[in-house]
Structure formats: structure tokens, C-alpha cells
């Protein structure tokens, strides 16, 4: 009985976590501006922007790729 429950739990975990087949890498998004911007816009409108590997890679490529304007130096 315990082996059956353990196997069932393991199978459920594997099926639920899965992976994003077809997800593009950060490097791919850094090299493809139009696709990166489209995916970034799509993901930031979602309820969980970093919910998929593809969204995480698009967001990270945008942030780490230097696409954001740098803040001016403060003269404090």
C-alpha cells in the first residue's frame, strides 16, 4: 500500500511540475528583440508573470540584457 501511494505521489509530482517544452533560452531572447518584447509584454500582463520558464527567460533577458534605461546618477 505504501509503495503504491509513494509511486502515485511521485507520478503526480512529475506530471504536475513538467517542463516548458519549446521554451526559449535567455540568450535566444537577447538575440531576438521583437520576440523578447512581445513575450515580455504578454508575461507581464499575466497573473503570475514568472510562472513559466519561457516567461522567466524573456523577463530575465530584458532585465539583464540592458534593455532598461539606466537611472541618472544622483547628486546627493
PDB file of N, CA and C in Angstrom:
ATOM      1  N   UNK A   1       0.822  -1.188   0.000  1.00  0.00           N
ATOM      2  CA  UNK A   1       0.000   0.000   0.000  1.00  0.00           C
ATOM      3  C   UNK A   1       0.869   1.256   0.000  1.00  0.00           C
ATOM      4  N   UNK A   2       1.912   1.247   0.843  1.00  0.00           N
ATOM      5  CA  UNK A   2       2.781   2.426   0.920  1.00  0.00           C
ATOM      6  C   UNK A   2       3.526   2.645  -0.387  1.00  0.00           C
ATOM      7  N   UNK A   3       3.957   1.542  -1.021  1.00  0.00           N
ATOM      8  CA  UNK A   3       4.663   1.675  -2.291  1.00  0.00           C
ATOM      9  C   UNK A   3       3.750   2.261  -3.365  1.00  0.00           C
ATOM     10  N   UNK A   4       2.493   1.862  -3.343  1.00  0.00           N
ATOM     11  CA  UNK A   4       1.523   2.359  -4.316  1.00  0.00           C
ATOM     12  C   UNK A   4       1.275   3.849  -4.140  1.00  0.00           C
ATOM     13  N   UNK A   5       1.134   4.288  -2.889  1.00  0.00           N
ATOM     14  CA  UNK A   5       0.934   5.711  -2.618  1.00  0.00           C
ATOM     15  C   UNK A   5       2.174   6.521  -2.969  1.00  0.00           C
ATOM     16  N   UNK A   6       3.332   5.972  -2.663  1.00  0.00           N
ATOM     17  CA  UNK A   6       4.582   6.653  -2.991  1.00  0.00           C
ATOM     18  C   UNK A   6       4.736   6.786  -4.502  1.00  0.00           C
ATOM     19  N   UNK A   7       4.437   5.718  -5.220  1.00  0.00           N
ATOM     20  CA  UNK A   7       4.520   5.756  -6.690  1.00  0.00           C
ATOM     21  C   UNK A   7       3.513   6.736  -7.267  1.00  0.00           C
ATOM     22  N   UNK A   8       2.313   6.740  -6.726  1.00  0.00           N
ATOM     23  CA  UNK A   8       1.281   7.652  -7.195  1.00  0.00           C
ATOM     24  C   UNK A   8       1.687   9.108  -6.921  1.00  0.00           C
ATOM     25  N   UNK A   9       2.233   9.355  -5.744  1.00  0.00           N
ATOM     26  CA  UNK A   9       2.686  10.707  -5.400  1.00  0.00           C
ATOM     27  C   UNK A   9       3.825  11.160  -6.298  1.00  0.00           C
ATOM     28  N   UNK A  10       4.755  10.270  -6.560  1.00  0.00           N
ATOM     29  CA  UNK A  10       5.881  10.600  -7.432  1.00  0.00           C
ATOM     30  C   UNK A  10       5.408  10.875  -8.856  1.00  0.00           C
ATOM     31  N   UNK A  11       4.504  10.057  -9.364  1.00  0.00           N
ATOM     32  CA  UNK A  11       3.981  10.261 -10.716  1.00  0.00           C
ATOM     33  C   UNK A  11       3.223  11.582 -10.807  1.00  0.00           C
ATOM     34  N   UNK A  12       2.431  11.894  -9.793  1.00  0.00           N
ATOM     35  CA  UNK A  12       1.687  13.156  -9.790  1.00  0.00           C
ATOM     36  C   UNK A  12       2.633  14.349  -9.774  1.00  0.00           C
ATOM     37  N   UNK A  13       3.698  14.251  -8.988  1.00  0.00           N
ATOM     38  CA  UNK A  13       4.672  15.337  -8.922  1.00  0.00           C
ATOM     39  C   UNK A  13       5.340  15.567 -10.270  1.00  0.00           C
ATOM     40  N   UNK A  14       5.741  14.503 -10.919  1.00  0.00           N
ATOM     41  CA  UNK A  14       6.394  14.612 -12.222  1.00  0.00           C
ATOM     42  C   UNK A  14       5.442  15.219 -13.245  1.00  0.00           C
ATOM     43  N   UNK A  15       4.210  14.770 -13.254  1.00  0.00           N
ATOM     44  CA  UNK A  15       3.245  15.274 -14.223  1.00  0.00           C
ATOM     45  C   UNK A  15       2.875  16.731 -13.967  1.00  0.00           C
ATOM     46  N   UNK A  16       2.761  17.112 -12.713  1.00  0.00           N
ATOM     47  CA  UNK A  16       2.361  18.479 -12.396  1.00  0.00           C
ATOM     48  C   UNK A  16       3.481  19.485 -12.607  1.00  0.00           C
ATOM     49  N   UNK A  17       4.716  19.092 -12.314  1.00  0.00           N
ATOM     50  CA  UNK A  17       5.813  20.042 -12.487  1.00  0.00           C
ATOM     51  C   UNK A  17       6.193  20.167 -13.944  1.00  0.00           C
ATOM     52  N   UNK A  18       6.380  19.058 -14.624  1.00  0.00           N
ATOM     53  CA  UNK A  18       6.693  19.076 -16.055  1.00  0.00           C
ATOM     54  C   UNK A  18       7.789  20.060 -16.404  1.00  0.00           C
ATOM     55  N   UNK A  19       7.866  20.412 -17.667  1.00  0.00           N
ATOM     56  CA  UNK A  19       8.801  21.428 -18.114  1.00  0.00           C
ATOM     57  C   UNK A  19       8.187  22.121 -19.316  1.00  0.00           C
ATOM     58  N   UNK A  20       8.664  23.307 -19.574  1.00  0.00           N
ATOM     59  CA  UNK A  20       8.151  24.071 -20.706  1.00  0.00           C
ATOM     60  C   UNK A  20       8.886  23.640 -21.963  1.00  0.00           C
ATOM     61  N   UNK A  21       8.315  22.664 -22.658  1.00  0.00           N
ATOM     62  CA  UNK A  21       8.938  22.262 -23.912  1.00  0.00           C
ATOM     63  C   UNK A  21       8.768  23.391 -24.900  1.00  0.00           C
ATOM     64  N   UNK A  22       9.811  23.705 -25.593  1.00  0.00           N
ATOM     65  CA  UNK A  22       9.748  24.785 -26.554  1.00  0.00           C
ATOM     66  C   UNK A  22      10.079  26.143 -25.950  1.00  0.00           C
ATOM     67  N   UNK A  23      10.429  26.167 -24.667  1.00  0.00           N
ATOM     68  CA  UNK A  23      10.802  27.433 -24.040  1.00  0.00           C
ATOM     69  C   UNK A  23      12.142  27.891 -24.608  1.00  0.00           C
ATOM     70  N   UNK A  24      12.223  29.156 -24.912  1.00  0.00           N
ATOM     71  CA  UNK A  24      13.458  29.725 -25.445  1.00  0.00           C
ATOM     72  C   UNK A  24      14.388  30.105 -24.295  1.00  0.00           C
ATOM     73  N   UNK A  25      15.676  30.124 -24.564  1.00  0.00           N
ATOM     74  CA  UNK A  25      16.654  30.478 -23.540  1.00  0.00           C
ATOM     75  C   UNK A  25      16.800  31.997 -23.431  1.00  0.00           C
ATOM     76  N   UNK A  26      17.451  32.426 -22.362  1.00  0.00           N
ATOM     77  CA  UNK A  26      17.734  33.854 -22.193  1.00  0.00           C
ATOM     78  C   UNK A  26      18.572  34.377 -23.351  1.00  0.00           C
ATOM     79  N   UNK A  27      19.544  33.601 -23.760  1.00  0.00           N
ATOM     80  CA  UNK A  27      20.423  34.025 -24.853  1.00  0.00           C
ATOM     81  C   UNK A  27      19.622  34.205 -26.145  1.00  0.00           C
ATOM     82  N   UNK A  28      18.678  33.312 -26.370  1.00  0.00           N
ATOM     83  CA  UNK A  28      17.838  33.417 -27.565  1.00  0.00           C
ATOM     84  C   UNK A  28      17.032  34.705 -27.513  1.00  0.00           C
ATOM     85  N   UNK A  29      16.441  34.994 -26.375  1.00  0.00           N
ATOM     86  CA  UNK A  29      15.656  36.224 -26.242  1.00  0.00           C
ATOM     87  C   UNK A  29      16.527  37.471 -26.372  1.00  0.00           C
ATOM     88  N   UNK A  30      17.761  37.409 -25.894  1.00  0.00           N
ATOM     89  CA  UNK A  30      18.663  38.559 -26.039  1.00  0.00           C
ATOM     90  C   UNK A  30      18.977  38.823 -27.512  1.00  0.00           C
ATOM     91  N   UNK A  31      19.000  37.759 -28.320  1.00  0.00           N
ATOM     92  CA  UNK A  31      19.328  37.901 -29.741  1.00  0.00           C
ATOM     93  C   UNK A  31      18.107  38.216 -30.606  1.00  0.00           C
ATOM     94  N   UNK A  32      16.893  38.071 -30.070  1.00  0.00           N
ATOM     95  CA  UNK A  32      15.667  38.282 -30.842  1.00  0.00           C
ATOM     96  C   UNK A  32      14.801  39.329 -30.136  1.00  0.00           C
ATOM     97  N   UNK A  33      15.079  40.592 -30.424  1.00  0.00           N
ATOM     98  CA  UNK A  33      14.418  41.696 -29.732  1.00  0.00           C
ATOM     99  C   UNK A  33      12.896  41.688 -29.880  1.00  0.00           C
ATOM    100  N   UNK A  34      12.409  41.516 -31.098  1.00  0.00           N
ATOM    101  CA  UNK A  34      10.967  41.591 -31.343  1.00  0.00           C
ATOM    102  C   UNK A  34      10.218  40.512 -30.558  1.00  0.00           C
ATOM    103  N   UNK A  35      10.721  39.290 -30.586  1.00  0.00           N
ATOM    104  CA  UNK A  35      10.083  38.192 -29.871  1.00  0.00           C
ATOM    105  C   UNK A  35      10.182  38.390 -28.363  1.00  0.00           C
ATOM    106  N   UNK A  36      11.335  38.900 -27.902  1.00  0.00           N
ATOM    107  CA  UNK A  36      11.527  39.135 -26.472  1.00  0.00           C
ATOM    108  C   UNK A  36      10.528  40.175 -25.962  1.00  0.00           C
ATOM    109  N   UNK A  37      10.378  41.259 -26.698  1.00  0.00           N
ATOM    110  CA  UNK A  37       9.471  42.326 -26.281  1.00  0.00           C
ATOM    111  C   UNK A  37       8.028  41.816 -26.259  1.00  0.00           C
ATOM    112  N   UNK A  38       7.646  41.051 -27.278  1.00  0.00           N
ATOM    113  CA  UNK A  38       6.281  40.508 -27.340  1.00  0.00           C
ATOM    114  C   UNK A  38       6.021  39.562 -26.164  1.00  0.00           C
ATOM    115  N   UNK A  39       6.968  38.674 -25.882  1.00  0.00           N
ATOM    116  CA  UNK A  39       6.797  37.715 -24.782  1.00  0.00           C
ATOM    117  C   UNK A  39       6.826  38.440 -23.442  1.00  0.00           C
ATOM    118  N   UNK A  40       7.693  39.440 -23.302  1.00  0.00           N
ATOM    119  CA  UNK A  40       7.775  40.223 -22.065  1.00  0.00           C
ATOM    120  C   UNK A  40       6.436  40.907 -21.796  1.00  0.00           C
ATOM    121  N   UNK A  41       5.857  41.541 -22.812  1.00  0.00           N
ATOM    122  CA  UNK A  41       4.560  42.210 -22.659  1.00  0.00           C
ATOM    123  C   UNK A  41       3.467  41.212 -22.288  1.00  0.00           C
ATOM    124  N   UNK A  42       3.478  40.055 -22.959  1.00  0.00           N
ATOM    125  CA  UNK A  42       2.477  39.019 -22.679  1.00  0.00           C
ATOM    126  C   UNK A  42       2.597  38.527 -21.237  1.00  0.00           C
ATOM    127  N   UNK A  43       3.816  38.287 -20.798  1.00  0.00           N
ATOM    128  CA  UNK A  43       4.035  37.724 -19.464  1.00  0.00           C
ATOM    129  C   UNK A  43       3.751  38.724 -18.349  1.00  0.00           C
ATOM    130  N   UNK A  44       4.092  39.982 -18.562  1.00  0.00           N
ATOM    131  CA  UNK A  44       3.864  40.962 -17.506  1.00  0.00           C
ATOM    132  C   UNK A  44       2.384  41.258 -17.312  1.00  0.00           C
ATOM    133  N   UNK A  45       1.549  40.914 -18.281  1.00  0.00           N
ATOM    134  CA  UNK A  45       0.103  41.095 -18.146  1.00  0.00           C
ATOM    135  C   UNK A  45      -0.555  39.895 -17.469  1.00  0.00           C
ATOM    136  N   UNK A  46       0.162  38.790 -17.331  1.00  0.00           N
ATOM    137  CA  UNK A  46      -0.384  37.572 -16.728  1.00  0.00           C
ATOM    138  C   UNK A  46      -0.458  37.720 -15.208  1.00  0.00           C
ATOM    139  N   UNK A  47      -1.280  36.879 -14.578  1.00  0.00           N
ATOM    140  CA  UNK A  47      -1.417  36.937 -13.121  1.00  0.00           C
ATOM    141  C   UNK A  47      -0.135  36.492 -12.421  1.00  0.00           C
ATOM    142  N   UNK A  48       0.627  35.608 -13.033  1.00  0.00           N
ATOM    143  CA  UNK A  48       1.918  35.169 -12.491  1.00  0.00           C
ATOM    144  C   UNK A  48       2.970  35.361 -13.575  1.00  0.00           C
ATOM    145  N   UNK A  49       3.563  36.558 -13.660  1.00  0.00           N
ATOM    146  CA  UNK A  49       4.479  36.858 -14.762  1.00  0.00           C
ATOM    147  C   UNK A  49       5.653  35.887 -14.898  1.00  0.00           C
ATOM    148  N   UNK A  50       6.124  35.320 -13.817  1.00  0.00           N
ATOM    149  CA  UNK A  50       7.270  34.411 -13.874  1.00  0.00           C
ATOM    150  C   UNK A  50       6.826  32.957 -13.719  1.00  0.00           C
ATOM    151  N   UNK A  51       5.587  32.661 -14.106  1.00  0.00           N
ATOM    152  CA  UNK A  51       5.012  31.340 -13.913  1.00  0.00           C
ATOM    153  C   UNK A  51       5.536  30.257 -14.837  1.00  0.00           C
ATOM    154  N   UNK A  52       6.120  30.629 -15.966  1.00  0.00           N
ATOM    155  CA  UNK A  52       6.653  29.621 -16.884  1.00  0.00           C
ATOM    156  C   UNK A  52       8.127  29.907 -17.144  1.00  0.00           C
ATOM    157  N   UNK A  53       8.813  28.878 -17.581  1.00  0.00           N
ATOM    158  CA  UNK A  53      10.235  29.028 -17.892  1.00  0.00           C
ATOM    159  C   UNK A  53      10.437  30.043 -19.020  1.00  0.00           C
ATOM    160  N   UNK A  54       9.553  30.003 -20.007  1.00  0.00           N
ATOM    161  CA  UNK A  54       9.651  30.919 -21.138  1.00  0.00           C
ATOM    162  C   UNK A  54       9.510  32.374 -20.669  1.00  0.00           C
ATOM    163  N   UNK A  55       8.547  32.624 -19.795  1.00  0.00           N
ATOM    164  CA  UNK A  55       8.368  33.986 -19.273  1.00  0.00           C
ATOM    165  C   UNK A  55       9.561  34.409 -18.429  1.00  0.00           C
ATOM    166  N   UNK A  56      10.051  33.516 -17.591  1.00  0.00           N
ATOM    167  CA  UNK A  56      11.228  33.859 -16.770  1.00  0.00           C
ATOM    168  C   UNK A  56      12.409  34.229 -17.660  1.00  0.00           C
ATOM    169  N   UNK A  57      12.625  33.470 -18.718  1.00  0.00           N
ATOM    170  CA  UNK A  57      13.750  33.750 -19.606  1.00  0.00           C
ATOM    171  C   UNK A  57      13.573  35.069 -20.351  1.00  0.00           C
ATOM    172  N   UNK A  58      12.358  35.355 -20.799  1.00  0.00           N
ATOM    173  CA  UNK A  58      12.106  36.620 -21.508  1.00  0.00           C
ATOM    174  C   UNK A  58      12.289  37.813 -20.576  1.00  0.00           C
ATOM    175  N   UNK A  59      11.774  37.701 -19.358  1.00  0.00           N
ATOM    176  CA  UNK A  59      11.913  38.787 -18.385  1.00  0.00           C
ATOM    177  C   UNK A  59      13.371  38.965 -17.994  1.00  0.00           C
ATOM    178  N   UNK A  60      14.058  37.876 -17.699  1.00  0.00           N
ATOM    179  CA  UNK A  60      15.471  37.970 -17.317  1.00  0.00           C
ATOM    180  C   UNK A  60      16.322  38.521 -18.451  1.00  0.00           C
ATOM    181  N   UNK A  61      16.031  38.127 -19.687  1.00  0.00           N
ATOM    182  CA  UNK A  61      16.793  38.645 -20.828  1.00  0.00           C
ATOM    183  C   UNK A  61      16.567  40.142 -20.982  1.00  0.00           C
ATOM    184  N   UNK A  62      15.358  40.593 -20.692  1.00  0.00           N
ATOM    185  CA  UNK A  62      15.067  42.024 -20.783  1.00  0.00           C
ATOM    186  C   UNK A  62      15.807  42.786 -19.696  1.00  0.00           C
ATOM    187  N   UNK A  63      15.744  42.272 -18.472  1.00  0.00           N
ATOM    188  CA  UNK A  63      16.379  42.950 -17.340  1.00  0.00           C
ATOM    189  C   UNK A  63      17.901  42.882 -17.441  1.00  0.00           C
ATOM    190  N   UNK A  64      18.441  41.713 -17.732  1.00  0.00           N
ATOM    191  CA  UNK A  64      19.898  41.531 -17.755  1.00  0.00           C
ATOM    192  C   UNK A  64      20.518  41.900 -19.089  1.00  0.00           C
ATOM    193  N   UNK A  65      19.690  42.126 -20.083  1.00  0.00           N
ATOM    194  CA  UNK A  65      20.202  42.452 -21.406  1.00  0.00           C
ATOM    195  C   UNK A  65      20.438  43.932 -21.620  1.00  0.00           C
ATOM    196  N   UNK A  66      20.141  44.745 -20.609  1.00  0.00           N
ATOM    197  CA  UNK A  66      20.380  46.171 -20.726  1.00  0.00           C
ATOM    198  C   UNK A  66      19.303  46.907 -21.491  1.00  0.00           C
ATOM    199  N   UNK A  67      18.093  46.347 -21.559  1.00  0.00           N
ATOM    200  CA  UNK A  67      17.026  46.997 -22.305  1.00  0.00           C
ATOM    201  C   UNK A  67      16.371  48.132 -21.528  1.00  0.00           C
ATOM    202  N   UNK A  68      16.605  48.168 -20.241  1.00  0.00           N
ATOM    203  CA  UNK A  68      16.024  49.229 -19.441  1.00  0.00           C
ATOM    204  C   UNK A  68      16.950  50.434 -19.424  1.00  0.00           C
ATOM    205  N   UNK A  69      16.372  51.610 -19.331  1.00  0.00           N
ATOM    206  CA  UNK A  69      17.163  52.842 -19.269  1.00  0.00           C
ATOM    207  C   UNK A  69      17.794  52.942 -17.895  1.00  0.00           C
ATOM    208  N   UNK A  70      19.062  53.213 -17.851  1.00  0.00           N
ATOM    209  CA  UNK A  70      19.777  53.339 -16.590  1.00  0.00           C
ATOM    210  C   UNK A  70      19.346  54.629 -15.910  1.00  0.00           C
ATOM    211  N   UNK A  71      19.194  54.544 -14.609  1.00  0.00           N
ATOM    212  CA  UNK A  71      18.826  55.727 -13.828  1.00  0.00           C
ATOM    213  C   UNK A  71      19.988  56.720 -13.842  1.00  0.00           C
ATOM    214  N   UNK A  72      19.680  58.008 -13.882  1.00  0.00           N
ATOM    215  CA  UNK A  72      20.756  59.003 -13.847  1.00  0.00           C
ATOM    216  C   UNK A  72      21.442  58.994 -12.480  1.00  0.00           C
ATOM    217  N   UNK A  73      22.706  59.390 -12.478  1.00  0.00           N
ATOM    218  CA  UNK A  73      23.434  59.484 -11.218  1.00  0.00           C
ATOM    219  C   UNK A  73      22.811  60.537 -10.328  1.00  0.00           C
ATOM    220  N   UNK A  74      22.730  60.234  -9.060  1.00  0.00           N
ATOM    221  CA  UNK A  74      22.149  61.174  -8.096  1.00  0.00           C
ATOM    222  C   UNK A  74      23.257  62.095  -7.581  1.00  0.00           C
ATOM    223  N   UNK A  75      22.951  63.339  -7.483  1.00  0.00           N
ATOM    224  CA  UNK A  75      23.935  64.285  -6.973  1.00  0.00           C
ATOM    225  C   UNK A  75      23.640  64.675  -5.533  1.00  0.00           C
ATOM    226  N   UNK A  76      23.513  63.690  -4.704  1.00  0.00           N
ATOM    227  CA  UNK A  76      23.149  63.931  -3.316  1.00  0.00           C
ATOM    228  C   UNK A  76      24.329  64.417  -2.599  1.00  0.00           C
TER     229      UNK A  76
END
